[in-house]
Amino acid sequence: MPPDRIADQIFLADTIAAVERCDPPFSDVHVQRPNFVSPPPPVNGGCGGAARSAAPWEYIDAVTRITALHDTVVREWEVRLQSGPEAAETRAIGATLLHCLDRAGFIQRGPGDPSLESYGIGAGDLALNNAAQRCSDESGYGVRIAAQRLRTLRSVLGRHESEIDSIKKLRPVLERATQPHDGPDRTRFGLPE
């Protein structure tokens, strides 16, 4: 499965976005090379609100189940990335980026061990963020970090196969929310009366 399709294929983000007319949610499981210049889109994609509150209970229940699985997977993924050998690998990969920044004249700004955060990457300094992006591309940091994140995400997803299979069966429930029905509230998702 392509890394940029995980949210759509596993968490049905594309279907939720179509029903609720929002940007696809669950962008935090899109695995791609880091972009230090442009921040990632919001995780929920602006979904929910009036469209969801007007939806039938089956739709709301389905989205609640999908969101619960997403949240569980993301928590487990974060724990895995921040502990044991994965944390050590992240530090080693990050060291290449920080050495490149040192050579470019940027230094650690904050306390503690050298890290992207202690250097201030992503804190709004455009020159630093541009340098970090160049260093990421030149050193292979972005490709290596994306590969590690994808590998660990797939491992976590593998532990939830039965739940993922049950989520896949919810796609028709979500899609039915856009279908006309015989009630007085046919326009709840912008459908003509």
N, C-alpha and C. Protein backbone atom coordinates (compact mmCIF):
# COMPACT_ATOMS: atom_id res chain seq x y z
N MET A 1 0.85 -1.18 0.00
CA MET A 1 0.00 0.00 0.00
C MET A 1 0.89 1.24 0.00
N PRO A 2 0.64 2.18 -0.90
CA PRO A 2 1.44 3.41 -0.93
C PRO A 2 1.28 4.19 0.38
N PRO A 3 2.36 4.76 0.89
CA PRO A 3 2.29 5.47 2.17
C PRO A 3 1.30 6.63 2.19
N ASP A 4 1.08 7.25 1.03
CA ASP A 4 0.16 8.39 1.03
C ASP A 4 -1.31 7.95 0.94
N ARG A 5 -1.56 6.66 0.88
CA ARG A 5 -2.93 6.15 0.81
C ARG A 5 -3.37 5.43 2.09
N ILE A 6 -2.50 5.36 3.09
CA ILE A 6 -2.84 4.64 4.32
C ILE A 6 -4.08 5.22 4.97
N ALA A 7 -4.17 6.54 5.06
CA ALA A 7 -5.34 7.15 5.71
C ALA A 7 -6.62 6.83 4.95
N ASP A 8 -6.56 6.81 3.62
CA ASP A 8 -7.75 6.52 2.82
C ASP A 8 -8.12 5.04 2.86
N GLN A 9 -7.14 4.18 2.71
CA GLN A 9 -7.43 2.76 2.60
C GLN A 9 -7.72 2.09 3.94
N ILE A 10 -7.12 2.56 5.00
CA ILE A 10 -7.33 1.92 6.30
C ILE A 10 -8.34 2.67 7.14
N PHE A 11 -8.25 3.99 7.16
CA PHE A 11 -9.13 4.78 8.03
C PHE A 11 -10.24 5.49 7.25
N LEU A 12 -10.38 5.18 5.97
CA LEU A 12 -11.47 5.70 5.13
C LEU A 12 -11.56 7.22 5.11
N ALA A 13 -10.42 7.87 5.18
CA ALA A 13 -10.38 9.33 5.23
C ALA A 13 -11.00 9.96 3.99
N ASP A 14 -10.78 9.36 2.83
CA ASP A 14 -11.35 9.92 1.60
C ASP A 14 -12.87 9.89 1.62
N THR A 15 -13.44 8.83 2.16
CA THR A 15 -14.90 8.72 2.21
C THR A 15 -15.48 9.70 3.23
N ILE A 16 -14.84 9.81 4.39
CA ILE A 16 -15.30 10.79 5.39
C ILE A 16 -15.24 12.19 4.80
N ALA A 17 -14.15 12.51 4.10
CA ALA A 17 -14.00 13.84 3.49
C ALA A 17 -15.09 14.09 2.46
N ALA A 18 -15.43 13.09 1.67
CA ALA A 18 -16.48 13.27 0.66
C ALA A 18 -17.84 13.49 1.31
N VAL A 19 -18.13 12.74 2.35
CA VAL A 19 -19.42 12.87 3.03
C VAL A 19 -19.53 14.21 3.73
N GLU A 20 -18.48 14.61 4.44
CA GLU A 20 -18.54 15.81 5.26
C GLU A 20 -18.05 17.06 4.55
N ARG A 21 -17.61 16.88 3.29
CA ARG A 21 -17.11 18.01 2.49
C ARG A 21 -16.02 18.77 3.23
N CYS A 22 -14.98 18.04 3.58
CA CYS A 22 -13.85 18.61 4.31
C CYS A 22 -12.56 18.06 3.70
N ASP A 23 -11.44 18.57 4.16
CA ASP A 23 -10.16 17.98 3.76
C ASP A 23 -10.06 16.62 4.44
N PRO A 24 -9.42 15.64 3.80
CA PRO A 24 -9.33 14.32 4.42
C PRO A 24 -8.68 14.37 5.80
N PRO A 25 -9.30 13.71 6.77
CA PRO A 25 -8.72 13.67 8.12
C PRO A 25 -7.57 12.66 8.20
N PHE A 26 -6.98 12.56 9.38
CA PHE A 26 -5.96 11.57 9.71
C PHE A 26 -4.67 11.77 8.93
N SER A 27 -4.31 13.03 8.66
CA SER A 27 -3.09 13.30 7.91
C SER A 27 -1.84 12.88 8.67
N ASP A 28 -1.97 12.62 9.96
CA ASP A 28 -0.79 12.23 10.74
C ASP A 28 -0.29 10.83 10.40
N VAL A 29 -1.04 10.06 9.63
CA VAL A 29 -0.54 8.76 9.20
C VAL A 29 -0.06 8.79 7.74
N HIS A 30 0.02 9.98 7.15
CA HIS A 30 0.64 10.11 5.82
C HIS A 30 2.15 10.11 6.06
N VAL A 31 2.83 9.15 5.53
CA VAL A 31 4.27 9.06 5.73
C VAL A 31 4.95 9.61 4.48
N GLN A 32 5.68 10.69 4.69
CA GLN A 32 6.43 11.30 3.60
C GLN A 32 7.69 11.93 4.17
N ARG A 33 8.57 12.34 3.28
CA ARG A 33 9.79 13.00 3.76
C ARG A 33 9.39 14.26 4.52
N PRO A 34 10.11 14.57 5.59
CA PRO A 34 9.79 15.79 6.35
C PRO A 34 9.91 17.03 5.49
N ASN A 35 9.00 17.96 5.71
CA ASN A 35 9.05 19.25 5.04
C ASN A 35 9.15 20.31 6.14
N PHE A 36 10.34 20.85 6.30
CA PHE A 36 10.57 21.82 7.38
C PHE A 36 10.11 23.22 7.01
N VAL A 37 9.82 23.46 5.73
CA VAL A 37 9.45 24.79 5.27
C VAL A 37 7.94 25.01 5.36
N SER A 38 7.16 24.00 4.97
CA SER A 38 5.70 24.11 5.01
C SER A 38 5.15 23.14 6.04
N PRO A 39 4.36 23.64 6.98
CA PRO A 39 3.82 22.75 8.01
C PRO A 39 2.80 21.78 7.42
N PRO A 40 2.64 20.61 8.05
CA PRO A 40 1.67 19.64 7.55
C PRO A 40 0.24 20.14 7.77
N PRO A 41 -0.70 19.60 7.00
CA PRO A 41 -2.10 20.01 7.18
C PRO A 41 -2.62 19.54 8.53
N PRO A 42 -3.75 20.11 8.97
CA PRO A 42 -4.30 19.67 10.25
C PRO A 42 -4.70 18.20 10.21
N VAL A 43 -4.62 17.55 11.36
CA VAL A 43 -4.89 16.12 11.44
C VAL A 43 -6.34 15.81 11.10
N ASN A 44 -7.29 16.60 11.58
CA ASN A 44 -8.69 16.26 11.36
C ASN A 44 -9.23 16.81 10.05
N GLY A 45 -8.50 17.65 9.34
CA GLY A 45 -8.92 18.13 8.04
C GLY A 45 -10.16 19.00 8.06
N GLY A 46 -10.56 19.51 9.22
CA GLY A 46 -11.74 20.35 9.31
C GLY A 46 -13.04 19.57 9.29
N CYS A 47 -12.96 18.27 9.50
CA CYS A 47 -14.16 17.44 9.48
C CYS A 47 -14.91 17.55 10.81
N GLY A 48 -16.12 17.03 10.79
CA GLY A 48 -16.96 17.06 12.00
C GLY A 48 -17.96 18.18 11.87
N GLY A 49 -18.24 18.83 12.98
CA GLY A 49 -19.13 19.98 12.97
C GLY A 49 -20.54 19.66 12.57
N ALA A 50 -21.17 20.59 11.84
CA ALA A 50 -22.59 20.49 11.49
C ALA A 50 -22.88 19.26 10.64
N ALA A 51 -22.00 18.96 9.69
CA ALA A 51 -22.26 17.81 8.82
C ALA A 51 -22.33 16.52 9.63
N ARG A 52 -21.41 16.36 10.56
CA ARG A 52 -21.41 15.13 11.35
C ARG A 52 -22.57 15.10 12.33
N SER A 53 -22.88 16.24 12.93
CA SER A 53 -23.96 16.25 13.93
C SER A 53 -25.32 15.99 13.28
N ALA A 54 -25.47 16.27 11.99
CA ALA A 54 -26.73 16.03 11.30
C ALA A 54 -26.80 14.63 10.68
N ALA A 55 -25.73 13.87 10.79
CA ALA A 55 -25.67 12.56 10.17
C ALA A 55 -26.47 11.54 10.98
N PRO A 56 -26.88 10.45 10.31
CA PRO A 56 -27.57 9.38 11.05
C PRO A 56 -26.64 8.72 12.05
N TRP A 57 -27.21 8.09 13.06
CA TRP A 57 -26.41 7.51 14.13
C TRP A 57 -25.44 6.46 13.61
N GLU A 58 -25.81 5.73 12.54
CA GLU A 58 -24.92 4.70 12.00
C GLU A 58 -23.62 5.32 11.50
N TYR A 59 -23.77 6.48 10.86
CA TYR A 59 -22.59 7.19 10.35
C TYR A 59 -21.71 7.65 11.51
N ILE A 60 -22.33 8.28 12.50
CA ILE A 60 -21.57 8.79 13.65
C ILE A 60 -20.88 7.64 14.37
N ASP A 61 -21.57 6.51 14.54
CA ASP A 61 -20.97 5.34 15.18
C ASP A 61 -19.77 4.84 14.38
N ALA A 62 -19.92 4.78 13.04
CA ALA A 62 -18.82 4.31 12.20
C ALA A 62 -17.60 5.23 12.31
N VAL A 63 -17.82 6.53 12.24
CA VAL A 63 -16.71 7.48 12.34
C VAL A 63 -16.07 7.40 13.73
N THR A 64 -16.86 7.20 14.75
CA THR A 64 -16.32 7.07 16.11
C THR A 64 -15.42 5.84 16.21
N ARG A 65 -15.85 4.72 15.63
CA ARG A 65 -15.04 3.50 15.65
C ARG A 65 -13.74 3.70 14.86
N ILE A 66 -13.84 4.34 13.70
CA ILE A 66 -12.65 4.58 12.88
C ILE A 66 -11.67 5.49 13.62
N THR A 67 -12.20 6.54 14.23
CA THR A 67 -11.35 7.48 14.96
C THR A 67 -10.67 6.80 16.15
N ALA A 68 -11.40 5.93 16.84
CA ALA A 68 -10.82 5.21 17.99
C ALA A 68 -9.66 4.33 17.54
N LEU A 69 -9.83 3.61 16.42
CA LEU A 69 -8.73 2.77 15.92
C LEU A 69 -7.56 3.65 15.49
N HIS A 70 -7.84 4.73 14.78
CA HIS A 70 -6.78 5.66 14.38
C HIS A 70 -5.99 6.14 15.59
N ASP A 71 -6.70 6.58 16.62
CA ASP A 71 -6.03 7.11 17.81
C ASP A 71 -5.18 6.04 18.50
N THR A 72 -5.68 4.81 18.55
CA THR A 72 -4.91 3.71 19.16
C THR A 72 -3.65 3.44 18.36
N VAL A 73 -3.78 3.38 17.05
CA VAL A 73 -2.62 3.11 16.18
C VAL A 73 -1.58 4.23 16.34
N VAL A 74 -2.02 5.48 16.32
CA VAL A 74 -1.08 6.59 16.42
C VAL A 74 -0.36 6.59 17.78
N ARG A 75 -1.10 6.32 18.85
CA ARG A 75 -0.45 6.25 20.18
C ARG A 75 0.61 5.15 20.21
N GLU A 76 0.26 3.96 19.73
CA GLU A 76 1.22 2.85 19.72
C GLU A 76 2.42 3.15 18.84
N TRP A 77 2.17 3.80 17.72
CA TRP A 77 3.23 4.16 16.78
C TRP A 77 4.19 5.15 17.43
N GLU A 78 3.65 6.16 18.10
CA GLU A 78 4.49 7.15 18.77
C GLU A 78 5.33 6.51 19.87
N VAL A 79 4.72 5.62 20.65
CA VAL A 79 5.47 4.93 21.72
C VAL A 79 6.61 4.12 21.11
N ARG A 80 6.31 3.43 20.04
CA ARG A 80 7.34 2.60 19.41
C ARG A 80 8.48 3.45 18.86
N LEU A 81 8.15 4.57 18.23
CA LEU A 81 9.19 5.44 17.66
C LEU A 81 10.04 6.10 18.75
N GLN A 82 9.49 6.28 19.93
CA GLN A 82 10.19 7.01 20.99
C GLN A 82 10.86 6.10 22.01
N SER A 83 10.93 4.80 21.73
CA SER A 83 11.55 3.90 22.70
C SER A 83 12.46 2.90 22.01
N GLY A 84 13.35 2.34 22.79
CA GLY A 84 14.21 1.25 22.34
C GLY A 84 15.01 1.55 21.09
N PRO A 85 15.15 0.54 20.25
CA PRO A 85 16.00 0.69 19.06
C PRO A 85 15.49 1.74 18.08
N GLU A 86 14.18 1.95 18.03
CA GLU A 86 13.65 2.96 17.11
C GLU A 86 14.08 4.36 17.53
N ALA A 87 14.06 4.63 18.83
CA ALA A 87 14.50 5.94 19.32
C ALA A 87 15.99 6.14 19.03
N ALA A 88 16.77 5.10 19.23
CA ALA A 88 18.20 5.18 18.95
C ALA A 88 18.44 5.44 17.46
N GLU A 89 17.68 4.77 16.60
CA GLU A 89 17.82 4.99 15.16
C GLU A 89 17.44 6.42 14.79
N THR A 90 16.36 6.93 15.39
CA THR A 90 15.94 8.30 15.10
C THR A 90 17.02 9.30 15.50
N ARG A 91 17.64 9.08 16.67
CA ARG A 91 18.72 9.97 17.10
C ARG A 91 19.91 9.92 16.14
N ALA A 92 20.26 8.72 15.71
CA ALA A 92 21.40 8.56 14.79
C ALA A 92 21.11 9.23 13.45
N ILE A 93 19.90 9.05 12.95
CA ILE A 93 19.54 9.69 11.67
C ILE A 93 19.53 11.21 11.85
N GLY A 94 18.99 11.67 12.97
CA GLY A 94 18.92 13.11 13.25
C GLY A 94 20.29 13.74 13.38
N ALA A 95 21.26 12.98 13.89
CA ALA A 95 22.62 13.52 14.06
C ALA A 95 23.20 13.96 12.72
N THR A 96 22.88 13.24 11.65
CA THR A 96 23.40 13.63 10.33
C THR A 96 22.84 14.99 9.91
N LEU A 97 21.58 15.22 10.20
CA LEU A 97 20.95 16.50 9.87
C LEU A 97 21.57 17.63 10.70
N LEU A 98 21.75 17.37 11.99
CA LEU A 98 22.30 18.41 12.88
C LEU A 98 23.76 18.74 12.53
N HIS A 99 24.54 17.73 12.14
CA HIS A 99 25.93 18.00 11.72
C HIS A 99 25.95 18.88 10.47
N CYS A 100 25.03 18.63 9.57
CA CYS A 100 24.94 19.45 8.37
C CYS A 100 24.58 20.89 8.74
N LEU A 101 23.66 21.06 9.69
CA LEU A 101 23.30 22.41 10.12
C LEU A 101 24.48 23.11 10.79
N ASP A 102 25.24 22.36 11.59
CA ASP A 102 26.44 22.94 12.21
C ASP A 102 27.39 23.46 11.13
N ARG A 103 27.61 22.67 10.10
CA ARG A 103 28.51 23.09 9.01
C ARG A 103 27.96 24.31 8.28
N ALA A 104 26.61 24.47 8.28
CA ALA A 104 26.00 25.62 7.61
C ALA A 104 25.95 26.85 8.51
N GLY A 105 26.47 26.74 9.74
CA GLY A 105 26.55 27.89 10.64
C GLY A 105 25.41 28.01 11.64
N PHE A 106 24.55 27.02 11.74
CA PHE A 106 23.47 27.04 12.73
C PHE A 106 23.90 26.24 13.94
N ILE A 107 23.54 26.71 15.12
CA ILE A 107 23.94 26.04 16.34
C ILE A 107 22.72 25.72 17.19
N GLN A 108 22.96 24.88 18.18
CA GLN A 108 21.90 24.52 19.12
C GLN A 108 21.49 25.75 19.91
N ARG A 109 20.17 25.98 20.02
CA ARG A 109 19.65 27.16 20.69
C ARG A 109 19.10 26.86 22.08
N GLY A 110 18.61 25.67 22.26
CA GLY A 110 17.96 25.32 23.51
C GLY A 110 18.78 24.36 24.34
N PRO A 111 18.33 24.12 25.56
CA PRO A 111 19.06 23.22 26.46
C PRO A 111 18.85 21.75 26.09
N GLY A 112 19.64 20.91 26.70
CA GLY A 112 19.49 19.47 26.54
C GLY A 112 20.35 18.92 25.43
N ASP A 113 20.11 17.64 25.17
CA ASP A 113 20.85 16.97 24.11
C ASP A 113 20.48 17.57 22.75
N PRO A 114 21.42 17.54 21.82
CA PRO A 114 21.11 18.07 20.49
C PRO A 114 19.92 17.33 19.87
N SER A 115 18.98 18.09 19.36
CA SER A 115 17.79 17.52 18.72
C SER A 115 17.24 18.58 17.77
N LEU A 116 16.30 18.18 16.93
CA LEU A 116 15.66 19.13 16.03
C LEU A 116 15.01 20.25 16.83
N GLU A 117 14.38 19.89 17.95
CA GLU A 117 13.71 20.88 18.79
C GLU A 117 14.72 21.83 19.43
N SER A 118 15.84 21.31 19.95
CA SER A 118 16.81 22.18 20.62
C SER A 118 17.52 23.12 19.64
N TYR A 119 17.52 22.76 18.37
CA TYR A 119 18.06 23.65 17.34
C TYR A 119 17.03 24.69 16.92
N GLY A 120 15.76 24.44 17.23
CA GLY A 120 14.70 25.38 16.88
C GLY A 120 14.06 25.12 15.53
N ILE A 121 14.30 23.95 14.97
CA ILE A 121 13.72 23.63 13.67
C ILE A 121 12.20 23.56 13.80
N GLY A 122 11.52 24.24 12.91
CA GLY A 122 10.06 24.26 12.93
C GLY A 122 9.47 25.32 13.83
N ALA A 123 10.32 26.16 14.43
CA ALA A 123 9.82 27.18 15.36
C ALA A 123 9.61 28.54 14.69
N GLY A 124 9.66 28.57 13.38
CA GLY A 124 9.34 29.82 12.68
C GLY A 124 10.52 30.55 12.06
N ASP A 125 11.74 30.11 12.28
CA ASP A 125 12.91 30.75 11.68
C ASP A 125 13.04 30.23 10.24
N LEU A 126 12.65 31.06 9.28
CA LEU A 126 12.61 30.63 7.88
C LEU A 126 13.99 30.22 7.37
N ALA A 127 15.02 30.98 7.72
CA ALA A 127 16.37 30.64 7.25
C ALA A 127 16.80 29.27 7.79
N LEU A 128 16.53 29.03 9.07
CA LEU A 128 16.86 27.74 9.68
C LEU A 128 16.05 26.62 9.04
N ASN A 129 14.76 26.84 8.85
CA ASN A 129 13.91 25.81 8.25
C ASN A 129 14.34 25.49 6.82
N ASN A 130 14.72 26.52 6.05
CA ASN A 130 15.22 26.29 4.69
C ASN A 130 16.53 25.51 4.71
N ALA A 131 17.42 25.88 5.65
CA ALA A 131 18.69 25.15 5.77
C ALA A 131 18.44 23.71 6.18
N ALA A 132 17.51 23.50 7.10
CA ALA A 132 17.18 22.14 7.53
C ALA A 132 16.64 21.32 6.37
N GLN A 133 15.83 21.95 5.51
CA GLN A 133 15.30 21.22 4.35
C GLN A 133 16.42 20.84 3.39
N ARG A 134 17.34 21.79 3.14
CA ARG A 134 18.48 21.48 2.26
C ARG A 134 19.31 20.35 2.86
N CYS A 135 19.60 20.45 4.16
CA CYS A 135 20.40 19.41 4.82
C CYS A 135 19.68 18.06 4.80
N SER A 136 18.38 18.09 4.97
CA SER A 136 17.59 16.85 4.94
C SER A 136 17.72 16.18 3.58
N ASP A 137 17.59 16.98 2.54
CA ASP A 137 17.67 16.42 1.19
C ASP A 137 19.09 15.95 0.86
N GLU A 138 20.09 16.73 1.26
CA GLU A 138 21.49 16.40 0.93
C GLU A 138 22.00 15.20 1.73
N SER A 139 21.60 15.09 2.98
CA SER A 139 22.14 14.04 3.85
C SER A 139 21.36 12.73 3.77
N GLY A 140 20.20 12.75 3.14
CA GLY A 140 19.36 11.56 3.10
C GLY A 140 18.50 11.40 4.34
N TYR A 141 18.54 12.40 5.23
CA TYR A 141 17.74 12.35 6.46
C TYR A 141 16.27 12.09 6.16
N GLY A 142 15.70 12.86 5.23
CA GLY A 142 14.28 12.76 4.94
C GLY A 142 13.86 11.38 4.47
N VAL A 143 14.64 10.81 3.57
CA VAL A 143 14.33 9.49 3.04
C VAL A 143 14.44 8.44 4.13
N ARG A 144 15.49 8.52 4.94
CA ARG A 144 15.71 7.52 5.99
C ARG A 144 14.66 7.61 7.09
N ILE A 145 14.28 8.83 7.48
CA ILE A 145 13.28 8.99 8.54
C ILE A 145 11.92 8.53 8.04
N ALA A 146 11.60 8.82 6.77
CA ALA A 146 10.33 8.38 6.21
C ALA A 146 10.28 6.85 6.13
N ALA A 147 11.38 6.23 5.75
CA ALA A 147 11.42 4.76 5.68
C ALA A 147 11.23 4.14 7.06
N GLN A 148 11.87 4.72 8.07
CA GLN A 148 11.71 4.21 9.43
C GLN A 148 10.27 4.37 9.91
N ARG A 149 9.69 5.53 9.68
CA ARG A 149 8.31 5.78 10.12
C ARG A 149 7.33 4.83 9.42
N LEU A 150 7.54 4.60 8.13
CA LEU A 150 6.66 3.70 7.40
C LEU A 150 6.80 2.27 7.90
N ARG A 151 8.01 1.84 8.11
CA ARG A 151 8.25 0.48 8.61
C ARG A 151 7.58 0.26 9.96
N THR A 152 7.74 1.22 10.87
CA THR A 152 7.15 1.06 12.20
C THR A 152 5.62 1.18 12.15
N LEU A 153 5.10 2.06 11.29
CA LEU A 153 3.64 2.17 11.17
C LEU A 153 3.06 0.86 10.65
N ARG A 154 3.67 0.29 9.64
CA ARG A 154 3.17 -0.98 9.10
C ARG A 154 3.21 -2.08 10.15
N SER A 155 4.23 -2.06 10.98
CA SER A 155 4.32 -3.05 12.06
C SER A 155 3.16 -2.89 13.04
N VAL A 156 2.87 -1.66 13.41
CA VAL A 156 1.76 -1.40 14.33
C VAL A 156 0.44 -1.78 13.67
N LEU A 157 0.25 -1.43 12.41
CA LEU A 157 -0.98 -1.78 11.70
C LEU A 157 -1.15 -3.29 11.63
N GLY A 158 -0.05 -4.01 11.50
CA GLY A 158 -0.12 -5.47 11.44
C GLY A 158 -0.69 -6.08 12.70
N ARG A 159 -0.53 -5.42 13.82
CA ARG A 159 -1.08 -5.92 15.09
C ARG A 159 -2.58 -5.63 15.21
N HIS A 160 -3.13 -4.88 14.27
CA HIS A 160 -4.55 -4.51 14.34
C HIS A 160 -5.32 -4.98 13.10
N GLU A 161 -4.87 -6.08 12.50
CA GLU A 161 -5.47 -6.54 11.25
C GLU A 161 -6.97 -6.81 11.37
N SER A 162 -7.41 -7.46 12.43
CA SER A 162 -8.83 -7.80 12.54
C SER A 162 -9.67 -6.53 12.69
N GLU A 163 -9.16 -5.55 13.45
CA GLU A 163 -9.89 -4.29 13.59
C GLU A 163 -9.93 -3.53 12.26
N ILE A 164 -8.84 -3.57 11.52
CA ILE A 164 -8.78 -2.91 10.22
C ILE A 164 -9.77 -3.56 9.25
N ASP A 165 -9.85 -4.88 9.29
CA ASP A 165 -10.81 -5.57 8.43
C ASP A 165 -12.24 -5.15 8.75
N SER A 166 -12.54 -4.97 10.05
CA SER A 166 -13.91 -4.56 10.40
C SER A 166 -14.16 -3.10 10.00
N ILE A 167 -13.12 -2.27 10.02
CA ILE A 167 -13.27 -0.86 9.60
C ILE A 167 -13.55 -0.81 8.09
N LYS A 168 -12.88 -1.64 7.32
CA LYS A 168 -13.10 -1.64 5.86
C LYS A 168 -14.56 -1.91 5.53
N LYS A 169 -15.23 -2.69 6.35
CA LYS A 169 -16.64 -3.01 6.10
C LYS A 169 -17.56 -1.83 6.38
N LEU A 170 -17.03 -0.76 6.96
CA LEU A 170 -17.85 0.41 7.27
C LEU A 170 -17.97 1.39 6.10
N ARG A 171 -17.19 1.20 5.05
CA ARG A 171 -17.24 2.13 3.91
C ARG A 171 -18.66 2.29 3.37
N PRO A 172 -19.43 1.21 3.15
CA PRO A 172 -20.80 1.40 2.67
C PRO A 172 -21.68 2.19 3.64
N VAL A 173 -21.45 2.03 4.94
CA VAL A 173 -22.21 2.79 5.94
C VAL A 173 -21.92 4.29 5.76
N LEU A 174 -20.67 4.62 5.56
CA LEU A 174 -20.29 6.01 5.36
C LEU A 174 -20.87 6.54 4.04
N GLU A 175 -20.76 5.75 3.00
CA GLU A 175 -21.24 6.20 1.69
C GLU A 175 -22.75 6.38 1.66
N ARG A 176 -23.49 5.58 2.43
CA ARG A 176 -24.95 5.73 2.47
C ARG A 176 -25.36 7.08 3.03
N ALA A 177 -24.51 7.71 3.81
CA ALA A 177 -24.86 9.01 4.38
C ALA A 177 -25.02 10.07 3.30
N THR A 178 -24.48 9.84 2.11
CA THR A 178 -24.62 10.81 1.03
C THR A 178 -25.79 10.48 0.11
N GLN A 179 -26.43 9.33 0.33
CA GLN A 179 -27.52 8.90 -0.53
C GLN A 179 -28.83 9.57 -0.12
N PRO A 180 -29.67 9.93 -1.10
CA PRO A 180 -30.98 10.48 -0.77
C PRO A 180 -31.80 9.45 0.02
N HIS A 181 -32.63 9.94 0.90
CA HIS A 181 -33.51 9.05 1.65
C HIS A 181 -34.88 9.71 1.79
N ASP A 182 -35.81 9.03 2.38
CA ASP A 182 -37.19 9.49 2.41
C ASP A 182 -37.53 10.36 3.60
N GLY A 183 -36.59 10.89 4.31
CA GLY A 183 -36.89 11.71 5.49
C GLY A 183 -36.98 13.18 5.14
N PRO A 184 -37.41 14.01 6.08
CA PRO A 184 -37.55 15.43 5.83
C PRO A 184 -36.22 16.18 5.78
N ASP A 185 -35.13 15.52 6.16
CA ASP A 185 -33.84 16.22 6.23
C ASP A 185 -32.90 15.77 5.11
N ARG A 186 -33.40 15.59 3.89
CA ARG A 186 -32.57 15.15 2.76
C ARG A 186 -31.43 16.10 2.46
N THR A 187 -31.54 17.34 2.85
CA THR A 187 -30.49 18.31 2.50
C THR A 187 -29.37 18.36 3.53
N ARG A 188 -29.37 17.46 4.49
CA ARG A 188 -28.40 17.55 5.58
C ARG A 188 -26.95 17.52 5.12
N PHE A 189 -26.68 16.87 3.98
CA PHE A 189 -25.33 16.86 3.44
C PHE A 189 -25.26 17.64 2.13
N GLY A 190 -26.18 18.61 1.95
CA GLY A 190 -26.16 19.42 0.76
C GLY A 190 -26.83 18.77 -0.43
N LEU A 191 -27.62 17.73 -0.20
CA LEU A 191 -28.31 17.06 -1.30
C LEU A 191 -29.58 17.83 -1.67
N PRO A 192 -29.99 17.81 -2.94
CA PRO A 192 -31.23 18.50 -3.32
C PRO A 192 -32.43 17.79 -2.72
N GLU A 193 -33.48 18.56 -2.49
CA GLU A 193 -34.71 17.98 -1.94
C GLU A 193 -35.46 17.22 -3.00
